[in-house]
Amino acid sequence: MGWPTQKVSNFFYMLRVIRTLVSPLNPSHVTLSCQRSMKQCGILEMLSSILMANGVPVETLTEAIVTVGEVIRGSPENQDYFSSVIAPSEPPRFVCIQINKKKSTDFYFYS
């Protein structure tokens, strides 16, 4: 049972906007300001909860992981927050990332 197509599409567009705001291609003061705002308004918290949620489609989870990486890149405050996020213990969920020779990434989920 996955997410409806429109929900996935909307989520991908939202993540694209977030990544554009925190892109390393922006001037550094703009990126840092946007990263700070992502934490202050709760977007980083929301993204972190999505990473730990059950039932999130793999493609959606992959995009969320990339977006969290962009939001915490070069931001000690956001990195501190993310390091305090605790994965749910029921059921425990582990992600193993494998990068193959063709430069594609495979995600495996274990519980």
N, C-alpha and C. Protein backbone atom coordinates (compact mmCIF):
# COMPACT_ATOMS: atom_id res chain seq x y z
N MET A 1 0.85 -1.17 0.00
CA MET A 1 0.00 0.00 0.00
C MET A 1 0.89 1.24 0.00
N GLY A 2 0.93 1.95 -1.08
CA GLY A 2 1.79 3.11 -1.20
C GLY A 2 1.02 4.42 -1.10
N TRP A 3 1.76 5.47 -1.26
CA TRP A 3 1.14 6.80 -1.26
C TRP A 3 0.46 7.03 -2.60
N PRO A 4 -0.63 7.82 -2.62
CA PRO A 4 -1.26 8.17 -3.89
C PRO A 4 -0.27 8.94 -4.77
N THR A 5 -0.40 8.78 -6.07
CA THR A 5 0.51 9.40 -7.03
C THR A 5 0.61 10.91 -6.84
N GLN A 6 -0.50 11.58 -6.60
CA GLN A 6 -0.48 13.03 -6.43
C GLN A 6 0.28 13.43 -5.18
N LYS A 7 0.14 12.66 -4.11
CA LYS A 7 0.87 12.95 -2.87
C LYS A 7 2.37 12.82 -3.09
N VAL A 8 2.79 11.79 -3.79
CA VAL A 8 4.21 11.59 -4.09
C VAL A 8 4.72 12.75 -4.93
N SER A 9 3.97 13.13 -5.95
CA SER A 9 4.37 14.22 -6.83
C SER A 9 4.50 15.53 -6.05
N ASN A 10 3.53 15.83 -5.21
CA ASN A 10 3.57 17.05 -4.40
C ASN A 10 4.77 17.03 -3.46
N PHE A 11 5.03 15.89 -2.87
CA PHE A 11 6.16 15.75 -1.94
C PHE A 11 7.48 15.98 -2.67
N PHE A 12 7.62 15.39 -3.86
CA PHE A 12 8.85 15.58 -4.63
C PHE A 12 9.07 17.06 -4.97
N TYR A 13 8.01 17.77 -5.34
CA TYR A 13 8.14 19.19 -5.65
C TYR A 13 8.52 20.00 -4.41
N MET A 14 7.94 19.64 -3.28
CA MET A 14 8.29 20.33 -2.04
C MET A 14 9.77 20.12 -1.71
N LEU A 15 10.24 18.89 -1.87
CA LEU A 15 11.65 18.60 -1.59
C LEU A 15 12.56 19.34 -2.57
N ARG A 16 12.13 19.48 -3.80
CA ARG A 16 12.91 20.21 -4.80
C ARG A 16 13.06 21.68 -4.40
N VAL A 17 11.97 22.27 -3.89
CA VAL A 17 12.02 23.66 -3.44
C VAL A 17 12.99 23.79 -2.26
N ILE A 18 12.90 22.87 -1.31
CA ILE A 18 13.80 22.91 -0.15
C ILE A 18 15.25 22.80 -0.60
N ARG A 19 15.54 21.85 -1.48
CA ARG A 19 16.94 21.67 -1.94
C ARG A 19 17.42 22.89 -2.72
N THR A 20 16.54 23.56 -3.43
CA THR A 20 16.93 24.78 -4.15
C THR A 20 17.30 25.88 -3.15
N LEU A 21 16.54 25.99 -2.08
CA LEU A 21 16.81 27.02 -1.08
C LEU A 21 18.14 26.79 -0.35
N VAL A 22 18.51 25.53 -0.12
CA VAL A 22 19.73 25.23 0.64
C VAL A 22 20.87 24.76 -0.25
N SER A 23 20.75 24.98 -1.53
CA SER A 23 21.76 24.51 -2.49
C SER A 23 23.12 25.14 -2.22
N PRO A 24 24.19 24.35 -2.31
CA PRO A 24 25.54 24.91 -2.16
C PRO A 24 25.91 25.84 -3.31
N LEU A 25 25.11 25.88 -4.35
CA LEU A 25 25.36 26.80 -5.46
C LEU A 25 24.91 28.22 -5.13
N ASN A 26 24.07 28.37 -4.11
CA ASN A 26 23.66 29.70 -3.66
C ASN A 26 24.82 30.36 -2.92
N PRO A 27 24.80 31.69 -2.78
CA PRO A 27 25.80 32.33 -1.92
C PRO A 27 25.71 31.72 -0.51
N SER A 28 26.85 31.54 0.14
CA SER A 28 26.88 30.82 1.42
C SER A 28 25.98 31.44 2.47
N HIS A 29 25.89 32.77 2.51
CA HIS A 29 25.03 33.40 3.52
C HIS A 29 23.55 33.09 3.27
N VAL A 30 23.18 32.93 2.01
CA VAL A 30 21.80 32.58 1.67
C VAL A 30 21.51 31.14 2.10
N THR A 31 22.43 30.25 1.77
CA THR A 31 22.27 28.84 2.14
C THR A 31 22.16 28.69 3.64
N LEU A 32 23.08 29.31 4.38
CA LEU A 32 23.06 29.20 5.84
C LEU A 32 21.79 29.78 6.44
N SER A 33 21.33 30.89 5.90
CA SER A 33 20.08 31.50 6.38
C SER A 33 18.90 30.56 6.13
N CYS A 34 18.85 29.96 4.95
CA CYS A 34 17.76 29.04 4.63
C CYS A 34 17.84 27.78 5.49
N GLN A 35 19.05 27.28 5.74
CA GLN A 35 19.20 26.11 6.61
C GLN A 35 18.70 26.43 8.02
N ARG A 36 19.05 27.60 8.51
CA ARG A 36 18.60 28.03 9.84
C ARG A 36 17.07 28.09 9.87
N SER A 37 16.49 28.65 8.82
CA SER A 37 15.03 28.75 8.74
C SER A 37 14.36 27.37 8.68
N MET A 38 15.00 26.42 8.00
CA MET A 38 14.43 25.06 7.90
C MET A 38 14.31 24.43 9.28
N LYS A 39 15.27 24.72 10.15
CA LYS A 39 15.19 24.19 11.52
C LYS A 39 14.18 24.97 12.33
N GLN A 40 14.22 26.29 12.25
CA GLN A 40 13.35 27.12 13.07
C GLN A 40 11.86 26.91 12.79
N CYS A 41 11.52 26.66 11.54
CA CYS A 41 10.10 26.50 11.21
C CYS A 41 9.62 25.05 11.27
N GLY A 42 10.53 24.12 11.61
CA GLY A 42 10.12 22.73 11.81
C GLY A 42 10.24 21.83 10.60
N ILE A 43 10.75 22.34 9.49
CA ILE A 43 10.87 21.50 8.29
C ILE A 43 11.88 20.39 8.50
N LEU A 44 13.01 20.69 9.16
CA LEU A 44 14.00 19.65 9.42
C LEU A 44 13.40 18.56 10.32
N GLU A 45 12.63 18.96 11.29
CA GLU A 45 11.97 17.98 12.17
C GLU A 45 10.99 17.12 11.39
N MET A 46 10.21 17.75 10.50
CA MET A 46 9.25 17.01 9.68
C MET A 46 9.96 16.01 8.77
N LEU A 47 11.04 16.47 8.13
CA LEU A 47 11.79 15.57 7.25
C LEU A 47 12.40 14.41 8.03
N SER A 48 12.91 14.69 9.21
CA SER A 48 13.49 13.64 10.05
C SER A 48 12.43 12.61 10.45
N SER A 49 11.23 13.07 10.72
CA SER A 49 10.16 12.12 11.09
C SER A 49 9.77 11.26 9.90
N ILE A 50 9.84 11.81 8.70
CA ILE A 50 9.53 11.03 7.51
C ILE A 50 10.57 9.93 7.32
N LEU A 51 11.83 10.23 7.62
CA LEU A 51 12.88 9.22 7.50
C LEU A 51 12.63 8.03 8.42
N MET A 52 11.97 8.28 9.54
CA MET A 52 11.74 7.23 10.53
C MET A 52 10.36 6.59 10.42
N ALA A 53 9.52 7.10 9.53
CA ALA A 53 8.14 6.61 9.43
C ALA A 53 8.06 5.30 8.66
N ASN A 54 7.07 4.53 8.97
CA ASN A 54 6.78 3.30 8.23
C ASN A 54 5.86 3.63 7.07
N GLY A 55 5.97 2.87 5.99
CA GLY A 55 5.05 3.01 4.87
C GLY A 55 5.42 4.08 3.87
N VAL A 56 6.60 4.68 4.02
CA VAL A 56 7.03 5.69 3.06
C VAL A 56 7.61 4.97 1.86
N PRO A 57 7.13 5.27 0.65
CA PRO A 57 7.67 4.60 -0.54
C PRO A 57 9.18 4.81 -0.66
N VAL A 58 9.88 3.83 -1.18
CA VAL A 58 11.34 3.86 -1.28
C VAL A 58 11.83 5.09 -2.04
N GLU A 59 11.20 5.41 -3.17
CA GLU A 59 11.64 6.57 -3.95
C GLU A 59 11.49 7.86 -3.15
N THR A 60 10.40 7.95 -2.41
CA THR A 60 10.13 9.12 -1.58
C THR A 60 11.14 9.20 -0.45
N LEU A 61 11.43 8.08 0.17
CA LEU A 61 12.40 8.04 1.25
C LEU A 61 13.79 8.43 0.75
N THR A 62 14.15 7.97 -0.42
CA THR A 62 15.44 8.31 -1.02
C THR A 62 15.57 9.82 -1.20
N GLU A 63 14.54 10.44 -1.75
CA GLU A 63 14.56 11.89 -1.95
C GLU A 63 14.60 12.64 -0.62
N ALA A 64 13.91 12.12 0.38
CA ALA A 64 13.92 12.75 1.70
C ALA A 64 15.31 12.67 2.33
N ILE A 65 15.99 11.55 2.16
CA ILE A 65 17.35 11.38 2.69
C ILE A 65 18.29 12.40 2.05
N VAL A 66 18.21 12.54 0.74
CA VAL A 66 19.05 13.51 0.03
C VAL A 66 18.75 14.93 0.52
N THR A 67 17.48 15.24 0.72
CA THR A 67 17.09 16.58 1.15
C THR A 67 17.59 16.87 2.57
N VAL A 68 17.47 15.91 3.47
CA VAL A 68 17.99 16.11 4.83
C VAL A 68 19.50 16.36 4.76
N GLY A 69 20.19 15.62 3.92
CA GLY A 69 21.63 15.84 3.76
C GLY A 69 21.95 17.26 3.33
N GLU A 70 21.14 17.81 2.44
CA GLU A 70 21.36 19.18 1.98
C GLU A 70 21.05 20.19 3.09
N VAL A 71 20.03 19.90 3.88
CA VAL A 71 19.62 20.83 4.94
C VAL A 71 20.66 20.85 6.07
N ILE A 72 21.34 19.74 6.32
CA ILE A 72 22.31 19.71 7.42
C ILE A 72 23.75 19.95 6.97
N ARG A 73 24.00 19.94 5.66
CA ARG A 73 25.36 20.13 5.15
C ARG A 73 25.91 21.49 5.60
N GLY A 74 27.05 21.48 6.27
CA GLY A 74 27.72 22.71 6.66
C GLY A 74 27.01 23.51 7.75
N SER A 75 26.01 22.92 8.41
CA SER A 75 25.26 23.61 9.46
C SER A 75 25.39 22.83 10.77
N PRO A 76 26.34 23.23 11.62
CA PRO A 76 26.52 22.50 12.89
C PRO A 76 25.24 22.43 13.73
N GLU A 77 24.44 23.49 13.73
CA GLU A 77 23.19 23.49 14.50
C GLU A 77 22.24 22.41 13.98
N ASN A 78 22.08 22.32 12.66
CA ASN A 78 21.19 21.31 12.09
C ASN A 78 21.76 19.91 12.26
N GLN A 79 23.09 19.79 12.17
CA GLN A 79 23.72 18.49 12.39
C GLN A 79 23.52 18.02 13.82
N ASP A 80 23.63 18.95 14.78
CA ASP A 80 23.38 18.60 16.18
C ASP A 80 21.96 18.12 16.37
N TYR A 81 21.01 18.84 15.75
CA TYR A 81 19.61 18.41 15.85
C TYR A 81 19.46 17.00 15.28
N PHE A 82 19.98 16.79 14.08
CA PHE A 82 19.79 15.49 13.42
C PHE A 82 20.45 14.36 14.20
N SER A 83 21.58 14.65 14.84
CA SER A 83 22.24 13.60 15.62
C SER A 83 21.43 13.20 16.85
N SER A 84 20.47 14.05 17.24
CA SER A 84 19.64 13.73 18.40
C SER A 84 18.36 12.98 18.01
N VAL A 85 18.11 12.83 16.72
CA VAL A 85 16.91 12.12 16.27
C VAL A 85 17.07 10.64 16.60
N ILE A 86 16.06 10.10 17.24
CA ILE A 86 16.11 8.70 17.67
C ILE A 86 15.15 7.88 16.82
N ALA A 87 15.70 6.82 16.25
CA ALA A 87 14.87 5.92 15.44
C ALA A 87 13.91 5.16 16.35
N PRO A 88 12.70 4.93 15.88
CA PRO A 88 11.75 4.17 16.71
C PRO A 88 12.28 2.76 16.95
N SER A 89 12.03 2.24 18.12
CA SER A 89 12.53 0.91 18.45
C SER A 89 11.53 -0.18 18.11
N GLU A 90 10.32 0.18 17.75
CA GLU A 90 9.31 -0.80 17.40
C GLU A 90 8.74 -0.52 16.04
N PRO A 91 8.96 -1.21 15.02
CA PRO A 91 10.06 -2.16 14.90
C PRO A 91 11.34 -1.40 14.57
N PRO A 92 12.49 -1.94 14.97
CA PRO A 92 13.74 -1.27 14.59
C PRO A 92 13.91 -1.29 13.08
N ARG A 93 14.40 -0.22 12.54
CA ARG A 93 14.53 -0.11 11.09
C ARG A 93 15.95 0.34 10.76
N PHE A 94 16.61 -0.41 9.96
CA PHE A 94 17.97 -0.09 9.58
C PHE A 94 18.04 0.07 8.08
N VAL A 95 18.80 1.02 7.63
CA VAL A 95 18.97 1.24 6.21
C VAL A 95 20.41 0.91 5.85
N CYS A 96 20.56 0.08 4.87
CA CYS A 96 21.89 -0.23 4.35
C CYS A 96 21.94 0.32 2.93
N ILE A 97 22.91 1.16 2.68
CA ILE A 97 23.04 1.79 1.38
C ILE A 97 24.20 1.13 0.64
N GLN A 98 23.93 0.70 -0.56
CA GLN A 98 24.97 0.06 -1.37
C GLN A 98 25.10 0.83 -2.67
N ILE A 99 26.30 1.25 -2.97
CA ILE A 99 26.56 1.94 -4.23
C ILE A 99 27.27 0.94 -5.14
N ASN A 100 26.65 0.67 -6.27
CA ASN A 100 27.25 -0.31 -7.16
C ASN A 100 28.17 0.36 -8.18
N LYS A 101 28.77 -0.44 -9.02
CA LYS A 101 29.77 0.04 -9.98
C LYS A 101 29.21 1.06 -10.97
N LYS A 102 27.91 1.02 -11.24
CA LYS A 102 27.30 1.91 -12.21
C LYS A 102 26.91 3.25 -11.59
N LYS A 103 27.31 3.49 -10.35
CA LYS A 103 27.04 4.74 -9.64
C LYS A 103 25.58 4.90 -9.24
N SER A 104 24.79 3.84 -9.32
CA SER A 104 23.44 3.94 -8.81
C SER A 104 23.45 3.49 -7.36
N THR A 105 22.45 3.88 -6.62
CA THR A 105 22.39 3.57 -5.21
C THR A 105 21.21 2.66 -4.94
N ASP A 106 21.46 1.60 -4.19
CA ASP A 106 20.41 0.69 -3.79
C ASP A 106 20.20 0.81 -2.29
N PHE A 107 18.95 0.87 -1.85
CA PHE A 107 18.64 0.96 -0.44
C PHE A 107 17.99 -0.36 -0.03
N TYR A 108 18.46 -0.91 1.08
CA TYR A 108 17.90 -2.13 1.63
C TYR A 108 17.40 -1.82 3.03
N PHE A 109 16.22 -2.28 3.36
CA PHE A 109 15.63 -2.00 4.66
C PHE A 109 15.52 -3.30 5.43
N TYR A 110 15.98 -3.26 6.65
CA TYR A 110 15.93 -4.42 7.52
C TYR A 110 15.17 -4.05 8.77
N SER A 111 14.33 -4.94 9.21
CA SER A 111 13.65 -4.70 10.50
C SER A 111 13.66 -5.94 11.34
